[in-house]
Amino acid sequence: MKIQISVENKLKEAFTPTHLEVINESHMHSVPPNSETHFKVVLVTPQFTDMRSVQRHQKVYAVLGELMQQGIHALALHTFTPQEWLEKGQAPDSPNCMGGSKKAKTE
């Protein structure tokens, strides 16, 4: 939970979000139990108004840059303005892991 909490705290401080979810999805991947390597972030903030998706992601990565080098392998970003969030109301479900396990058999 250490990395997850750090991600949450940094995003709250930088964006003052109206909605924030940081979900540890590591259990869905081929990693040891209790890992903190794969996260889904749903971030809603007025700061994203008039920004393209790429610009929003760049801002998030700039805030989380140091943490990204401390073991985060994957970060699924779902960034919205409050109006977009009002219209959508939810982020898409994450896909199932497609492999990568050293234990998986290859054909």
PDB file of N, CA and C in Angstrom:
ATOM      1  N   MET A   1       0.818  -1.211   0.000  1.00  0.00           N
ATOM      2  CA  MET A   1       0.000   0.000   0.000  1.00  0.00           C
ATOM      3  C   MET A   1       0.856   1.266   0.000  1.00  0.00           C
ATOM      4  N   LYS A   2       2.128   1.114   0.229  1.00  0.00           N
ATOM      5  CA  LYS A   2       2.995   2.280   0.316  1.00  0.00           C
ATOM      6  C   LYS A   2       3.025   3.074  -0.996  1.00  0.00           C
ATOM      7  N   ILE A   3       3.216   2.386  -2.117  1.00  0.00           N
ATOM      8  CA  ILE A   3       3.283   3.077  -3.404  1.00  0.00           C
ATOM      9  C   ILE A   3       1.918   3.650  -3.768  1.00  0.00           C
ATOM     10  N   GLN A   4       0.870   2.885  -3.556  1.00  0.00           N
ATOM     11  CA  GLN A   4      -0.485   3.349  -3.867  1.00  0.00           C
ATOM     12  C   GLN A   4      -0.808   4.637  -3.096  1.00  0.00           C
ATOM     13  N   ILE A   5      -0.494   4.668  -1.845  1.00  0.00           N
ATOM     14  CA  ILE A   5      -0.760   5.862  -1.024  1.00  0.00           C
ATOM     15  C   ILE A   5       0.074   7.038  -1.516  1.00  0.00           C
ATOM     16  N   SER A   6       1.317   6.784  -1.884  1.00  0.00           N
ATOM     17  CA  SER A   6       2.160   7.855  -2.412  1.00  0.00           C
ATOM     18  C   SER A   6       1.588   8.419  -3.708  1.00  0.00           C
ATOM     19  N   VAL A   7       1.103   7.554  -4.580  1.00  0.00           N
ATOM     20  CA  VAL A   7       0.480   8.001  -5.835  1.00  0.00           C
ATOM     21  C   VAL A   7      -0.730   8.876  -5.521  1.00  0.00           C
ATOM     22  N   GLU A   8      -1.586   8.395  -4.630  1.00  0.00           N
ATOM     23  CA  GLU A   8      -2.777   9.164  -4.250  1.00  0.00           C
ATOM     24  C   GLU A   8      -2.404  10.538  -3.701  1.00  0.00           C
ATOM     25  N   ASN A   9      -1.458  10.573  -2.792  1.00  0.00           N
ATOM     26  CA  ASN A   9      -1.063  11.835  -2.165  1.00  0.00           C
ATOM     27  C   ASN A   9      -0.484  12.822  -3.173  1.00  0.00           C
ATOM     28  N   LYS A  10       0.373  12.348  -4.059  1.00  0.00           N
ATOM     29  CA  LYS A  10       0.963  13.240  -5.057  1.00  0.00           C
ATOM     30  C   LYS A  10      -0.097  13.794  -6.011  1.00  0.00           C
ATOM     31  N   LEU A  11      -1.032  12.953  -6.425  1.00  0.00           N
ATOM     32  CA  LEU A  11      -2.074  13.414  -7.340  1.00  0.00           C
ATOM     33  C   LEU A  11      -3.029  14.390  -6.658  1.00  0.00           C
ATOM     34  N   LYS A  12      -3.363  14.134  -5.408  1.00  0.00           N
ATOM     35  CA  LYS A  12      -4.225  15.065  -4.665  1.00  0.00           C
ATOM     36  C   LYS A  12      -3.565  16.424  -4.531  1.00  0.00           C
ATOM     37  N   GLU A  13      -2.295  16.410  -4.202  1.00  0.00           N
ATOM     38  CA  GLU A  13      -1.564  17.661  -3.996  1.00  0.00           C
ATOM     39  C   GLU A  13      -1.431  18.461  -5.299  1.00  0.00           C
ATOM     40  N   ALA A  14      -1.156  17.777  -6.387  1.00  0.00           N
ATOM     41  CA  ALA A  14      -0.892  18.463  -7.652  1.00  0.00           C
ATOM     42  C   ALA A  14      -2.154  18.905  -8.386  1.00  0.00           C
ATOM     43  N   PHE A  15      -3.243  18.144  -8.248  1.00  0.00           N
ATOM     44  CA  PHE A  15      -4.416  18.387  -9.082  1.00  0.00           C
ATOM     45  C   PHE A  15      -5.678  18.800  -8.329  1.00  0.00           C
ATOM     46  N   THR A  16      -5.707  18.674  -7.027  1.00  0.00           N
ATOM     47  CA  THR A  16      -6.916  18.936  -6.238  1.00  0.00           C
ATOM     48  C   THR A  16      -8.141  18.363  -6.964  1.00  0.00           C
ATOM     49  N   PRO A  17      -8.166  17.060  -7.153  1.00  0.00           N
ATOM     50  CA  PRO A  17      -9.216  16.445  -7.961  1.00  0.00           C
ATOM     51  C   PRO A  17     -10.599  16.495  -7.319  1.00  0.00           C
ATOM     52  N   THR A  18     -11.603  16.508  -8.167  1.00  0.00           N
ATOM     53  CA  THR A  18     -12.975  16.377  -7.691  1.00  0.00           C
ATOM     54  C   THR A  18     -13.337  14.898  -7.541  1.00  0.00           C
ATOM     55  N   HIS A  19     -12.558  14.047  -8.190  1.00  0.00           N
ATOM     56  CA  HIS A  19     -12.726  12.597  -8.064  1.00  0.00           C
ATOM     57  C   HIS A  19     -11.368  11.953  -8.336  1.00  0.00           C
ATOM     58  N   LEU A  20     -10.986  11.003  -7.493  1.00  0.00           N
ATOM     59  CA  LEU A  20      -9.724  10.293  -7.671  1.00  0.00           C
ATOM     60  C   LEU A  20      -9.880   8.856  -7.214  1.00  0.00           C
ATOM     61  N   GLU A  21      -9.457   7.949  -8.081  1.00  0.00           N
ATOM     62  CA  GLU A  21      -9.373   6.537  -7.734  1.00  0.00           C
ATOM     63  C   GLU A  21      -7.992   6.054  -8.149  1.00  0.00           C
ATOM     64  N   VAL A  22      -7.295   5.425  -7.236  1.00  0.00           N
ATOM     65  CA  VAL A  22      -6.028   4.772  -7.543  1.00  0.00           C
ATOM     66  C   VAL A  22      -6.227   3.312  -7.149  1.00  0.00           C
ATOM     67  N   ILE A  23      -6.291   2.458  -8.150  1.00  0.00           N
ATOM     68  CA  ILE A  23      -6.621   1.051  -7.930  1.00  0.00           C
ATOM     69  C   ILE A  23      -5.403   0.190  -8.247  1.00  0.00           C
ATOM     70  N   ASN A  24      -4.993  -0.592  -7.271  1.00  0.00           N
ATOM     71  CA  ASN A  24      -3.883  -1.515  -7.468  1.00  0.00           C
ATOM     72  C   ASN A  24      -4.410  -2.737  -8.215  1.00  0.00           C
ATOM     73  N   GLU A  25      -3.992  -2.894  -9.453  1.00  0.00           N
ATOM     74  CA  GLU A  25      -4.428  -4.021 -10.278  1.00  0.00           C
ATOM     75  C   GLU A  25      -3.319  -5.061 -10.449  1.00  0.00           C
ATOM     76  N   SER A  26      -2.338  -5.010  -9.597  1.00  0.00           N
ATOM     77  CA  SER A  26      -1.203  -5.931  -9.706  1.00  0.00           C
ATOM     78  C   SER A  26      -1.641  -7.383  -9.624  1.00  0.00           C
ATOM     79  N   HIS A  27      -2.664  -7.658  -8.827  1.00  0.00           N
ATOM     80  CA  HIS A  27      -3.137  -9.034  -8.667  1.00  0.00           C
ATOM     81  C   HIS A  27      -3.635  -9.633  -9.981  1.00  0.00           C
ATOM     82  N   MET A  28      -3.917  -8.797 -10.969  1.00  0.00           N
ATOM     83  CA  MET A  28      -4.405  -9.258 -12.266  1.00  0.00           C
ATOM     84  C   MET A  28      -3.262  -9.625 -13.212  1.00  0.00           C
ATOM     85  N   HIS A  29      -2.032  -9.530 -12.734  1.00  0.00           N
ATOM     86  CA  HIS A  29      -0.862  -9.741 -13.577  1.00  0.00           C
ATOM     87  C   HIS A  29       0.060 -10.784 -12.971  1.00  0.00           C
ATOM     88  N   SER A  30       1.046 -11.161 -13.714  1.00  0.00           N
ATOM     89  CA  SER A  30       1.988 -12.205 -13.293  1.00  0.00           C
ATOM     90  C   SER A  30       3.090 -11.608 -12.419  1.00  0.00           C
ATOM     91  N   VAL A  31       2.694 -11.244 -11.201  1.00  0.00           N
ATOM     92  CA  VAL A  31       3.634 -10.671 -10.245  1.00  0.00           C
ATOM     93  C   VAL A  31       3.426 -11.354  -8.890  1.00  0.00           C
ATOM     94  N   PRO A  32       4.391 -11.249  -8.000  1.00  0.00           N
ATOM     95  CA  PRO A  32       4.237 -11.858  -6.674  1.00  0.00           C
ATOM     96  C   PRO A  32       3.058 -11.255  -5.903  1.00  0.00           C
ATOM     97  N   PRO A  33       2.479 -12.011  -4.972  1.00  0.00           N
ATOM     98  CA  PRO A  33       1.388 -11.486  -4.141  1.00  0.00           C
ATOM     99  C   PRO A  33       1.796 -10.198  -3.428  1.00  0.00           C
ATOM    100  N   ASN A  34       0.846  -9.329  -3.222  1.00  0.00           N
ATOM    101  CA  ASN A  34       1.033  -8.042  -2.532  1.00  0.00           C
ATOM    102  C   ASN A  34       1.934  -7.061  -3.282  1.00  0.00           C
ATOM    103  N   SER A  35       2.089  -7.252  -4.573  1.00  0.00           N
ATOM    104  CA  SER A  35       2.896  -6.330  -5.373  1.00  0.00           C
ATOM    105  C   SER A  35       2.161  -5.017  -5.581  1.00  0.00           C
ATOM    106  N   GLU A  36       2.916  -3.977  -5.857  1.00  0.00           N
ATOM    107  CA  GLU A  36       2.378  -2.666  -6.207  1.00  0.00           C
ATOM    108  C   GLU A  36       3.077  -2.218  -7.484  1.00  0.00           C
ATOM    109  N   THR A  37       2.703  -2.857  -8.582  1.00  0.00           N
ATOM    110  CA  THR A  37       3.375  -2.605  -9.849  1.00  0.00           C
ATOM    111  C   THR A  37       2.447  -2.121 -10.958  1.00  0.00           C
ATOM    112  N   HIS A  38       1.174  -2.438 -10.870  1.00  0.00           N
ATOM    113  CA  HIS A  38       0.206  -2.104 -11.909  1.00  0.00           C
ATOM    114  C   HIS A  38      -0.950  -1.321 -11.278  1.00  0.00           C
ATOM    115  N   PHE A  39      -1.187  -0.116 -11.776  1.00  0.00           N
ATOM    116  CA  PHE A  39      -2.236   0.729 -11.214  1.00  0.00           C
ATOM    117  C   PHE A  39      -3.156   1.287 -12.289  1.00  0.00           C
ATOM    118  N   LYS A  40      -4.386   1.477 -11.902  1.00  0.00           N
ATOM    119  CA  LYS A  40      -5.370   2.186 -12.712  1.00  0.00           C
ATOM    120  C   LYS A  40      -5.692   3.474 -11.966  1.00  0.00           C
ATOM    121  N   VAL A  41      -5.584   4.602 -12.666  1.00  0.00           N
ATOM    122  CA  VAL A  41      -5.858   5.900 -12.063  1.00  0.00           C
ATOM    123  C   VAL A  41      -7.017   6.553 -12.801  1.00  0.00           C
ATOM    124  N   VAL A  42      -8.022   6.949 -12.044  1.00  0.00           N
ATOM    125  CA  VAL A  42      -9.128   7.743 -12.572  1.00  0.00           C
ATOM    126  C   VAL A  42      -9.007   9.101 -11.896  1.00  0.00           C
ATOM    127  N   LEU A  43      -8.757  10.118 -12.694  1.00  0.00           N
ATOM    128  CA  LEU A  43      -8.470  11.446 -12.166  1.00  0.00           C
ATOM    129  C   LEU A  43      -9.365  12.474 -12.848  1.00  0.00           C
ATOM    130  N   VAL A  44     -10.145  13.180 -12.036  1.00  0.00           N
ATOM    131  CA  VAL A  44     -11.061  14.208 -12.539  1.00  0.00           C
ATOM    132  C   VAL A  44     -10.671  15.539 -11.918  1.00  0.00           C
ATOM    133  N   THR A  45     -10.369  16.507 -12.786  1.00  0.00           N
ATOM    134  CA  THR A  45      -9.970  17.820 -12.295  1.00  0.00           C
ATOM    135  C   THR A  45     -10.265  18.894 -13.338  1.00  0.00           C
ATOM    136  N   PRO A  46     -10.638  20.084 -12.897  1.00  0.00           N
ATOM    137  CA  PRO A  46     -10.838  21.183 -13.837  1.00  0.00           C
ATOM    138  C   PRO A  46      -9.548  21.582 -14.556  1.00  0.00           C
ATOM    139  N   GLN A  47      -8.400  21.211 -13.999  1.00  0.00           N
ATOM    140  CA  GLN A  47      -7.119  21.543 -14.631  1.00  0.00           C
ATOM    141  C   GLN A  47      -6.987  20.936 -16.029  1.00  0.00           C
ATOM    142  N   PHE A  48      -7.781  19.905 -16.333  1.00  0.00           N
ATOM    143  CA  PHE A  48      -7.683  19.244 -17.632  1.00  0.00           C
ATOM    144  C   PHE A  48      -8.520  19.923 -18.719  1.00  0.00           C
ATOM    145  N   THR A  49      -9.247  20.968 -18.359  1.00  0.00           N
ATOM    146  CA  THR A  49     -10.060  21.684 -19.341  1.00  0.00           C
ATOM    147  C   THR A  49      -9.166  22.216 -20.453  1.00  0.00           C
ATOM    148  N   ASP A  50      -9.609  22.029 -21.679  1.00  0.00           N
ATOM    149  CA  ASP A  50      -8.899  22.480 -22.891  1.00  0.00           C
ATOM    150  C   ASP A  50      -7.560  21.776 -23.115  1.00  0.00           C
ATOM    151  N   MET A  51      -7.385  20.599 -22.538  1.00  0.00           N
ATOM    152  CA  MET A  51      -6.169  19.817 -22.757  1.00  0.00           C
ATOM    153  C   MET A  51      -6.520  18.526 -23.492  1.00  0.00           C
ATOM    154  N   ARG A  52      -5.654  18.152 -24.417  1.00  0.00           N
ATOM    155  CA  ARG A  52      -5.806  16.857 -25.080  1.00  0.00           C
ATOM    156  C   ARG A  52      -5.379  15.753 -24.113  1.00  0.00           C
ATOM    157  N   SER A  53      -5.769  14.545 -24.420  1.00  0.00           N
ATOM    158  CA  SER A  53      -5.452  13.396 -23.577  1.00  0.00           C
ATOM    159  C   SER A  53      -3.944  13.259 -23.347  1.00  0.00           C
ATOM    160  N   VAL A  54      -3.169  13.447 -24.392  1.00  0.00           N
ATOM    161  CA  VAL A  54      -1.712  13.322 -24.274  1.00  0.00           C
ATOM    162  C   VAL A  54      -1.159  14.350 -23.294  1.00  0.00           C
ATOM    163  N   GLN A  55      -1.664  15.570 -23.345  1.00  0.00           N
ATOM    164  CA  GLN A  55      -1.201  16.614 -22.431  1.00  0.00           C
ATOM    165  C   GLN A  55      -1.556  16.277 -20.990  1.00  0.00           C
ATOM    166  N   ARG A  56      -2.737  15.753 -20.786  1.00  0.00           N
ATOM    167  CA  ARG A  56      -3.162  15.349 -19.442  1.00  0.00           C
ATOM    168  C   ARG A  56      -2.230  14.273 -18.896  1.00  0.00           C
ATOM    169  N   HIS A  57      -1.950  13.277 -19.726  1.00  0.00           N
ATOM    170  CA  HIS A  57      -1.084  12.178 -19.294  1.00  0.00           C
ATOM    171  C   HIS A  57       0.321  12.680 -18.998  1.00  0.00           C
ATOM    172  N   GLN A  58       0.809  13.594 -19.812  1.00  0.00           N
ATOM    173  CA  GLN A  58       2.133  14.159 -19.572  1.00  0.00           C
ATOM    174  C   GLN A  58       2.191  14.859 -18.216  1.00  0.00           C
ATOM    175  N   LYS A  59       1.130  15.576 -17.864  1.00  0.00           N
ATOM    176  CA  LYS A  59       1.101  16.251 -16.561  1.00  0.00           C
ATOM    177  C   LYS A  59       1.132  15.233 -15.418  1.00  0.00           C
ATOM    178  N   VAL A  60       0.363  14.157 -15.566  1.00  0.00           N
ATOM    179  CA  VAL A  60       0.338  13.126 -14.529  1.00  0.00           C
ATOM    180  C   VAL A  60       1.712  12.472 -14.406  1.00  0.00           C
ATOM    181  N   TYR A  61       2.304  12.119 -15.539  1.00  0.00           N
ATOM    182  CA  TYR A  61       3.629  11.494 -15.495  1.00  0.00           C
ATOM    183  C   TYR A  61       4.682  12.434 -14.899  1.00  0.00           C
ATOM    184  N   ALA A  62       4.552  13.716 -15.154  1.00  0.00           N
ATOM    185  CA  ALA A  62       5.493  14.678 -14.567  1.00  0.00           C
ATOM    186  C   ALA A  62       5.393  14.671 -13.041  1.00  0.00           C
ATOM    187  N   VAL A  63       4.180  14.548 -12.529  1.00  0.00           N
ATOM    188  CA  VAL A  63       3.969  14.514 -11.077  1.00  0.00           C
ATOM    189  C   VAL A  63       4.459  13.192 -10.482  1.00  0.00           C
ATOM    190  N   LEU A  64       4.271  12.102 -11.207  1.00  0.00           N
ATOM    191  CA  LEU A  64       4.605  10.777 -10.680  1.00  0.00           C
ATOM    192  C   LEU A  64       5.962  10.260 -11.146  1.00  0.00           C
ATOM    193  N   GLY A  65       6.727  11.094 -11.842  1.00  0.00           N
ATOM    194  CA  GLY A  65       7.986  10.661 -12.435  1.00  0.00           C
ATOM    195  C   GLY A  65       8.893   9.875 -11.518  1.00  0.00           C
ATOM    196  N   GLU A  66       9.122  10.383 -10.321  1.00  0.00           N
ATOM    197  CA  GLU A  66      10.009   9.704  -9.367  1.00  0.00           C
ATOM    198  C   GLU A  66       9.447   8.340  -8.964  1.00  0.00           C
ATOM    199  N   LEU A  67       8.147   8.290  -8.727  1.00  0.00           N
ATOM    200  CA  LEU A  67       7.521   7.020  -8.341  1.00  0.00           C
ATOM    201  C   LEU A  67       7.553   6.003  -9.477  1.00  0.00           C
ATOM    202  N   MET A  68       7.478   6.488 -10.714  1.00  0.00           N
ATOM    203  CA  MET A  68       7.506   5.584 -11.859  1.00  0.00           C
ATOM    204  C   MET A  68       8.828   4.824 -11.933  1.00  0.00           C
ATOM    205  N   GLN A  69       9.856   5.369 -11.355  1.00  0.00           N
ATOM    206  CA  GLN A  69      11.161   4.718 -11.371  1.00  0.00           C
ATOM    207  C   GLN A  69      11.380   3.844 -10.141  1.00  0.00           C
ATOM    208  N   GLN A  70      10.369   3.736  -9.289  1.00  0.00           N
ATOM    209  CA  GLN A  70      10.510   2.961  -8.054  1.00  0.00           C
ATOM    210  C   GLN A  70       9.650   1.701  -8.064  1.00  0.00           C
ATOM    211  N   GLY A  71       9.410   1.142  -9.233  1.00  0.00           N
ATOM    212  CA  GLY A  71       8.733  -0.148  -9.275  1.00  0.00           C
ATOM    213  C   GLY A  71       7.380  -0.174  -9.946  1.00  0.00           C
ATOM    214  N   ILE A  72       6.836   0.964 -10.331  1.00  0.00           N
ATOM    215  CA  ILE A  72       5.566   0.935 -11.058  1.00  0.00           C
ATOM    216  C   ILE A  72       5.867   0.468 -12.474  1.00  0.00           C
ATOM    217  N   HIS A  73       5.235  -0.614 -12.861  1.00  0.00           N
ATOM    218  CA  HIS A  73       5.451  -1.187 -14.191  1.00  0.00           C
ATOM    219  C   HIS A  73       4.428  -0.666 -15.195  1.00  0.00           C
ATOM    220  N   ALA A  74       3.187  -0.487 -14.736  1.00  0.00           N
ATOM    221  CA  ALA A  74       2.130  -0.057 -15.646  1.00  0.00           C
ATOM    222  C   ALA A  74       1.184   0.903 -14.930  1.00  0.00           C
ATOM    223  N   LEU A  75       0.748   1.912 -15.680  1.00  0.00           N
ATOM    224  CA  LEU A  75      -0.151   2.920 -15.140  1.00  0.00           C
ATOM    225  C   LEU A  75      -1.215   3.214 -16.192  1.00  0.00           C
ATOM    226  N   ALA A  76      -2.432   2.758 -15.944  1.00  0.00           N
ATOM    227  CA  ALA A  76      -3.550   3.022 -16.851  1.00  0.00           C
ATOM    228  C   ALA A  76      -4.199   4.330 -16.405  1.00  0.00           C
ATOM    229  N   LEU A  77      -4.120   5.348 -17.255  1.00  0.00           N
ATOM    230  CA  LEU A  77      -4.637   6.668 -16.899  1.00  0.00           C
ATOM    231  C   LEU A  77      -5.968   6.935 -17.575  1.00  0.00           C
ATOM    232  N   HIS A  78      -6.936   7.350 -16.774  1.00  0.00           N
ATOM    233  CA  HIS A  78      -8.249   7.763 -17.260  1.00  0.00           C
ATOM    234  C   HIS A  78      -8.478   9.153 -16.689  1.00  0.00           C
ATOM    235  N   THR A  79      -8.294  10.158 -17.532  1.00  0.00           N
ATOM    236  CA  THR A  79      -8.307  11.549 -17.080  1.00  0.00           C
ATOM    237  C   THR A  79      -9.509  12.280 -17.666  1.00  0.00           C
ATOM    238  N   PHE A  80     -10.208  13.013 -16.815  1.00  0.00           N
ATOM    239  CA  PHE A  80     -11.440  13.677 -17.210  1.00  0.00           C
ATOM    240  C   PHE A  80     -11.529  15.079 -16.610  1.00  0.00           C
ATOM    241  N   THR A  81     -12.257  15.940 -17.308  1.00  0.00           N
ATOM    242  CA  THR A  81     -12.695  17.189 -16.695  1.00  0.00           C
ATOM    243  C   THR A  81     -13.951  16.845 -15.908  1.00  0.00           C
ATOM    244  N   PRO A  82     -14.400  17.707 -14.988  1.00  0.00           N
ATOM    245  CA  PRO A  82     -15.639  17.416 -14.265  1.00  0.00           C
ATOM    246  C   PRO A  82     -16.840  17.218 -15.204  1.00  0.00           C
ATOM    247  N   GLN A  83     -16.924  17.993 -16.282  1.00  0.00           N
ATOM    248  CA  GLN A  83     -18.038  17.846 -17.232  1.00  0.00           C
ATOM    249  C   GLN A  83     -17.972  16.499 -17.950  1.00  0.00           C
ATOM    250  N   GLU A  84     -16.784  16.087 -18.371  1.00  0.00           N
ATOM    251  CA  GLU A  84     -16.628  14.783 -19.027  1.00  0.00           C
ATOM    252  C   GLU A  84     -17.013  13.653 -18.073  1.00  0.00           C
ATOM    253  N   TRP A  85     -16.603  13.781 -16.819  1.00  0.00           N
ATOM    254  CA  TRP A  85     -16.914  12.761 -15.817  1.00  0.00           C
ATOM    255  C   TRP A  85     -18.418  12.696 -15.571  1.00  0.00           C
ATOM    256  N   LEU A  86     -19.052  13.848 -15.545  1.00  0.00           N
ATOM    257  CA  LEU A  86     -20.504  13.906 -15.366  1.00  0.00           C
ATOM    258  C   LEU A  86     -21.206  13.157 -16.493  1.00  0.00           C
ATOM    259  N   GLU A  87     -20.695  13.316 -17.702  1.00  0.00           N
ATOM    260  CA  GLU A  87     -21.299  12.655 -18.868  1.00  0.00           C
ATOM    261  C   GLU A  87     -20.990  11.163 -18.912  1.00  0.00           C
ATOM    262  N   LYS A  88     -19.766  10.768 -18.559  1.00  0.00           N
ATOM    263  CA  LYS A  88     -19.360   9.355 -18.618  1.00  0.00           C
ATOM    264  C   LYS A  88     -19.716   8.595 -17.355  1.00  0.00           C
ATOM    265  N   GLY A  89     -19.326   9.156 -16.222  1.00  0.00           N
ATOM    266  CA  GLY A  89     -19.660   8.549 -14.941  1.00  0.00           C
ATOM    267  C   GLY A  89     -18.809   7.381 -14.512  1.00  0.00           C
ATOM    268  N   GLN A  90     -17.971   6.873 -15.395  1.00  0.00           N
ATOM    269  CA  GLN A  90     -17.105   5.762 -15.004  1.00  0.00           C
ATOM    270  C   GLN A  90     -15.976   5.593 -16.016  1.00  0.00           C
ATOM    271  N   ALA A  91     -14.925   4.965 -15.566  1.00  0.00           N
ATOM    272  CA  ALA A  91     -13.804   4.634 -16.444  1.00  0.00           C
ATOM    273  C   ALA A  91     -14.029   3.222 -16.970  1.00  0.00           C
ATOM    274  N   PRO A  92     -13.430   2.892 -18.104  1.00  0.00           N
ATOM    275  CA  PRO A  92     -13.595   1.532 -18.632  1.00  0.00           C
ATOM    276  C   PRO A  92     -12.929   0.498 -17.734  1.00  0.00           C
ATOM    277  N   ASP A  93     -13.431  -0.725 -17.806  1.00  0.00           N
ATOM    278  CA  ASP A  93     -12.805  -1.831 -17.081  1.00  0.00           C
ATOM    279  C   ASP A  93     -11.441  -2.114 -17.696  1.00  0.00           C
ATOM    280  N   SER A  94     -10.544  -2.571 -16.880  1.00  0.00           N
ATOM    281  CA  SER A  94      -9.215  -2.940 -17.368  1.00  0.00           C
ATOM    282  C   SER A  94      -9.279  -4.315 -18.009  1.00  0.00           C
ATOM    283  N   PRO A  95      -8.506  -4.515 -19.084  1.00  0.00           N
ATOM    284  CA  PRO A  95      -8.484  -5.839 -19.727  1.00  0.00           C
ATOM    285  C   PRO A  95      -7.716  -6.836 -18.874  1.00  0.00           C
ATOM    286  N   ASN A  96      -7.966  -8.092 -19.118  1.00  0.00           N
ATOM    287  CA  ASN A  96      -7.216  -9.137 -18.440  1.00  0.00           C
ATOM    288  C   ASN A  96      -5.779  -9.144 -18.941  1.00  0.00           C
ATOM    289  N   CYS A  97      -4.876  -9.561 -18.089  1.00  0.00           N
ATOM    290  CA  CYS A  97      -3.471  -9.670 -18.451  1.00  0.00           C
ATOM    291  C   CYS A  97      -3.319 -10.690 -19.564  1.00  0.00           C
ATOM    292  N   MET A  98      -2.494 -10.369 -20.541  1.00  0.00           N
ATOM    293  CA  MET A  98      -2.292 -11.263 -21.681  1.00  0.00           C
ATOM    294  C   MET A  98      -1.054 -12.142 -21.522  1.00  0.00           C
ATOM    295  N   GLY A  99      -0.482 -12.183 -20.362  1.00  0.00           N
ATOM    296  CA  GLY A  99       0.637 -13.089 -20.160  1.00  0.00           C
ATOM    297  C   GLY A  99       1.884 -12.393 -19.684  1.00  0.00           C
ATOM    298  N   GLY A 100       2.987 -13.017 -19.982  1.00  0.00           N
ATOM    299  CA  GLY A 100       4.263 -12.501 -19.554  1.00  0.00           C
ATOM    300  C   GLY A 100       4.848 -13.308 -18.409  1.00  0.00           C
ATOM    301  N   SER A 101       4.073 -14.268 -17.926  1.00  0.00           N
ATOM    302  CA  SER A 101       4.543 -15.098 -16.818  1.00  0.00           C
ATOM    303  C   SER A 101       5.655 -16.030 -17.287  1.00  0.00           C
ATOM    304  N   LYS A 102       6.682 -16.132 -16.484  1.00  0.00           N
ATOM    305  CA  LYS A 102       7.782 -17.058 -16.808  1.00  0.00           C
ATOM    306  C   LYS A 102       7.310 -18.504 -16.702  1.00  0.00           C
ATOM    307  N   LYS A 103       6.202 -18.708 -15.978  1.00  0.00           N
ATOM    308  CA  LYS A 103       5.692 -20.065 -15.786  1.00  0.00           C
ATOM    309  C   LYS A 103       4.747 -20.483 -16.912  1.00  0.00           C
ATOM    310  N   ALA A 104       4.300 -19.536 -17.728  1.00  0.00           N
ATOM    311  CA  ALA A 104       3.357 -19.851 -18.788  1.00  0.00           C
ATOM    312  C   ALA A 104       4.033 -20.686 -19.871  1.00  0.00           C
ATOM    313  N   LYS A 105       3.291 -21.637 -20.389  1.00  0.00           N
ATOM    314  CA  LYS A 105       3.816 -22.478 -21.456  1.00  0.00           C
ATOM    315  C   LYS A 105       3.717 -21.745 -22.776  1.00  0.00           C
ATOM    316  N   THR A 106       4.722 -21.880 -23.584  1.00  0.00           N
ATOM    317  CA  THR A 106       4.678 -21.283 -24.921  1.00  0.00           C
ATOM    318  C   THR A 106       4.533 -22.398 -25.928  1.00  0.00           C
ATOM    319  N   GLU A 107       3.842 -22.082 -27.002  1.00  0.00           N
ATOM    320  CA  GLU A 107       3.623 -23.106 -28.017  1.00  0.00           C
ATOM    321  C   GLU A 107       4.571 -22.935 -29.162  1.00  0.00           C
TER     322      GLU A 107
END
